[in-house]
Amino acid sequence: MSRILGLTLTLVYIFLLSPFAVLAGSTGQHDTHGSLAELSKALASPDEASAGWGTLAARVRRRQQEALEEKFAQDPSAFLCPPRSVACPLAGDTLPPPRFDAWTKTGYECVDPLQELGNCGGCARTGNGTNCASVHGAYGATCVNGACVVRQCKSGYTFDFEGHCVRPSGYTRRDPIPAIRPVE
């Protein structure tokens, strides 16, 4: 009798609580962007086998967890930040592994890659963006639509045809500053 009851509960769990129901939470709505609360709930919940749900349900749950972890590894920002923002790990010696618990322990910030001076075009710490404040030879730079735009070059530098600040050929410290230098 208990075996039939266990099988019935397992089938009810599989058919009524589909993978989308696990992601839906208590609201009954599926968030396509991902959610920090949903991910932490899914990763922190106990294994169904130990809770009496049986091995089939435990395998289904394990597959759901693996799918969530794989999605998180591909794009942590979808789970950690609002839309159009990028998750950047905070300073440290190494980047966190692509696991939810590692990112929450290490710490992160959500940045706008289209306007953020220190993470222009993406997260500079992960190599996907640029720190416009450290552009070589630039005195003033901004981030416009995810690209660093140099407004002014440092003394002794001039713009090349691509808009980068470079030293003119043949320039030494004793030479006068070229006439085409940017206005200071």
Protein backbone atom coordinates (compact mmCIF):
# COMPACT_ATOMS: atom_id res chain seq x y z
CA MET A 1 0.00 0.00 0.00
CA SER A 2 2.75 2.47 0.92
CA ARG A 3 4.52 1.63 -2.33
CA ILE A 4 1.41 2.56 -4.35
CA LEU A 5 1.02 5.76 -2.32
CA GLY A 6 4.67 6.63 -2.92
CA LEU A 7 4.30 5.99 -6.67
CA THR A 8 1.13 8.09 -6.77
CA LEU A 9 2.82 10.97 -4.95
CA THR A 10 5.78 10.73 -7.30
CA LEU A 11 3.55 10.88 -10.39
CA VAL A 12 1.56 13.80 -8.96
CA TYR A 13 4.83 15.59 -8.26
CA ILE A 14 6.16 14.99 -11.77
CA PHE A 15 3.01 15.99 -13.66
CA LEU A 16 1.66 18.78 -11.48
CA LEU A 17 4.92 20.32 -10.38
CA SER A 18 6.63 20.52 -13.74
CA PRO A 19 10.04 22.19 -14.11
CA PHE A 20 8.22 25.48 -14.76
CA ALA A 21 6.28 25.19 -11.51
CA VAL A 22 9.54 24.95 -9.57
CA LEU A 23 10.72 28.17 -11.20
CA ALA A 24 7.36 29.86 -10.74
CA GLY A 25 7.49 29.94 -6.94
CA SER A 26 4.35 30.91 -5.04
CA THR A 27 3.13 33.52 -7.55
CA GLY A 28 2.40 31.03 -10.32
CA GLN A 29 4.18 33.20 -12.87
CA HIS A 30 7.34 32.20 -14.72
CA ASP A 31 10.10 34.81 -14.67
CA THR A 32 12.03 34.41 -17.92
CA HIS A 33 14.84 36.68 -16.76
CA GLY A 34 15.71 34.57 -13.71
CA SER A 35 15.58 35.46 -10.06
CA LEU A 36 18.01 35.41 -7.19
CA ALA A 37 15.32 34.13 -4.82
CA GLU A 38 14.29 31.34 -7.18
CA LEU A 39 17.84 30.20 -7.75
CA SER A 40 18.75 30.23 -4.07
CA LYS A 41 15.54 28.35 -3.20
CA ALA A 42 16.22 25.73 -5.87
CA LEU A 43 19.85 25.26 -4.86
CA ALA A 44 19.26 25.32 -1.10
CA SER A 45 16.28 22.91 -0.93
CA PRO A 46 16.96 19.42 0.45
CA ASP A 47 17.16 16.39 -1.79
CA GLU A 48 13.70 14.85 -2.35
CA ALA A 49 15.02 11.34 -1.72
CA SER A 50 15.76 12.25 1.89
CA ALA A 51 12.38 14.00 2.20
CA GLY A 52 10.50 10.85 1.18
CA TRP A 53 9.71 11.76 -2.44
CA GLY A 54 11.44 8.73 -3.96
CA THR A 55 14.32 8.38 -6.35
CA LEU A 56 12.51 9.35 -9.57
CA ALA A 57 11.46 12.71 -8.15
CA ALA A 58 14.97 13.18 -6.77
CA ARG A 59 16.42 12.63 -10.24
CA VAL A 60 13.97 15.12 -11.76
CA ARG A 61 14.84 17.68 -9.09
CA ARG A 62 18.57 17.06 -9.58
CA ARG A 63 18.18 17.63 -13.35
CA GLN A 64 16.31 20.86 -12.69
CA GLN A 65 19.10 22.03 -10.37
CA GLU A 66 21.75 21.13 -12.94
CA ALA A 67 19.84 23.06 -15.63
CA LEU A 68 19.64 26.12 -13.36
CA GLU A 69 23.34 25.87 -12.50
CA GLU A 70 24.22 25.58 -16.21
CA LYS A 71 22.12 28.66 -17.05
CA PHE A 72 23.78 30.53 -14.17
CA ALA A 73 27.27 29.56 -15.40
CA GLN A 74 26.43 30.86 -18.90
CA ASP A 75 25.01 34.20 -17.70
CA PRO A 76 25.20 35.05 -13.98
CA SER A 77 23.79 38.52 -14.71
CA ALA A 78 20.40 37.04 -15.63
CA PHE A 79 20.03 35.75 -12.07
CA LEU A 80 21.84 38.48 -10.12
CA CYS A 81 20.98 41.80 -11.80
CA PRO A 82 18.09 43.69 -13.37
CA PRO A 83 17.67 43.54 -17.16
CA ARG A 84 20.33 45.39 -19.23
CA SER A 85 22.78 45.22 -16.30
CA VAL A 86 25.91 43.12 -15.96
CA ALA A 87 27.15 41.37 -12.82
CA CYS A 88 30.78 42.23 -12.04
CA PRO A 89 32.62 40.46 -9.23
CA LEU A 90 34.12 42.71 -6.60
CA ALA A 91 37.88 43.04 -6.29
CA GLY A 92 39.82 39.97 -5.27
CA ASP A 93 42.75 37.84 -6.29
CA THR A 94 40.74 35.49 -8.51
CA LEU A 95 37.41 35.48 -10.28
CA PRO A 96 34.66 33.46 -8.59
CA PRO A 97 33.81 30.10 -10.13
CA PRO A 98 30.60 30.10 -12.18
CA ARG A 99 28.50 28.95 -9.21
CA PHE A 100 25.78 30.89 -7.41
CA ASP A 101 27.20 30.36 -3.92
CA ALA A 102 30.68 31.51 -5.00
CA TRP A 103 29.32 34.78 -6.44
CA THR A 104 27.29 35.55 -3.32
CA LYS A 105 30.28 34.87 -1.03
CA THR A 106 32.73 36.87 -3.15
CA GLY A 107 30.35 39.75 -3.77
CA TYR A 108 29.32 41.47 -6.96
CA GLU A 109 27.89 44.71 -8.28
CA CYS A 110 25.40 45.30 -11.08
CA VAL A 111 26.65 47.83 -13.62
CA ASP A 112 25.26 49.46 -16.76
CA PRO A 113 27.72 48.47 -19.53
CA LEU A 114 26.47 51.24 -21.82
CA GLN A 115 27.39 54.12 -19.47
CA GLU A 116 29.63 52.85 -16.65
CA LEU A 117 33.07 54.51 -16.91
CA GLY A 118 34.92 51.67 -15.15
CA ASN A 119 33.06 48.84 -16.94
CA CYS A 120 32.35 50.21 -20.39
CA GLY A 121 30.98 47.58 -22.77
CA GLY A 122 30.87 44.91 -20.05
CA CYS A 123 32.61 43.87 -16.88
CA ALA A 124 36.26 44.97 -17.06
CA ARG A 125 37.22 42.53 -14.28
CA THR A 126 36.18 39.55 -16.40
CA GLY A 127 37.81 40.93 -19.56
CA ASN A 128 34.51 41.73 -21.29
CA GLY A 129 34.73 45.51 -20.88
CA THR A 130 37.13 48.44 -20.56
CA ASN A 131 37.98 50.86 -17.79
CA CYS A 132 37.77 54.16 -19.68
CA ALA A 133 39.54 55.97 -16.83
CA SER A 134 42.73 54.04 -17.62
CA VAL A 135 42.89 54.56 -21.40
CA HIS A 136 46.54 55.17 -22.30
CA GLY A 137 47.34 58.83 -22.91
CA ALA A 138 43.77 60.02 -22.34
CA TYR A 139 43.09 62.98 -20.09
CA GLY A 140 39.31 62.82 -20.34
CA ALA A 141 37.23 59.86 -21.50
CA THR A 142 33.60 58.83 -21.18
CA CYS A 143 31.58 55.71 -21.90
CA VAL A 144 29.02 56.22 -24.66
CA ASN A 145 26.85 53.28 -25.76
CA GLY A 146 29.39 50.77 -24.44
CA ALA A 147 32.48 52.32 -26.06
CA CYS A 148 35.15 54.56 -24.55
CA VAL A 149 35.23 57.99 -26.18
CA VAL A 150 38.37 60.06 -25.52
CA ARG A 151 37.52 63.74 -25.15
CA GLN A 152 41.05 65.03 -24.53
CA CYS A 153 44.61 63.68 -24.63
CA LYS A 154 47.27 64.24 -21.97
CA SER A 155 50.05 66.74 -22.58
CA GLY A 156 52.56 65.28 -25.05
CA TYR A 157 49.94 63.09 -26.75
CA THR A 158 47.83 63.73 -29.82
CA PHE A 159 44.88 62.02 -31.47
CA ASP A 160 45.63 59.53 -34.23
CA PHE A 161 43.23 58.87 -37.12
CA GLU A 162 41.26 56.32 -35.01
CA GLY A 163 40.75 58.68 -32.08
CA HIS A 164 43.39 57.13 -29.80
CA CYS A 165 45.89 59.22 -27.85
CA VAL A 166 49.43 58.56 -29.09
CA ARG A 167 52.81 60.25 -28.82
CA PRO A 168 53.80 61.87 -32.11
CA SER A 169 56.72 60.16 -33.82
CA GLY A 170 60.07 61.72 -32.91
CA TYR A 171 58.69 63.32 -29.75
CA THR A 172 61.02 63.56 -26.73
CA ARG A 173 60.51 65.32 -23.43
CA ARG A 174 62.81 68.19 -24.49
CA ASP A 175 60.86 68.84 -27.68
CA PRO A 176 58.18 71.49 -27.56
CA ILE A 177 54.64 70.16 -27.34
CA PRO A 178 53.25 69.77 -30.88
CA ALA A 179 50.96 72.54 -32.12
CA ILE A 180 48.09 70.08 -32.71
CA ARG A 181 47.91 69.03 -29.07
CA PRO A 182 44.51 69.02 -27.36
CA VAL A 183 43.54 72.15 -25.43
CA GLU A 184 44.15 71.76 -21.70
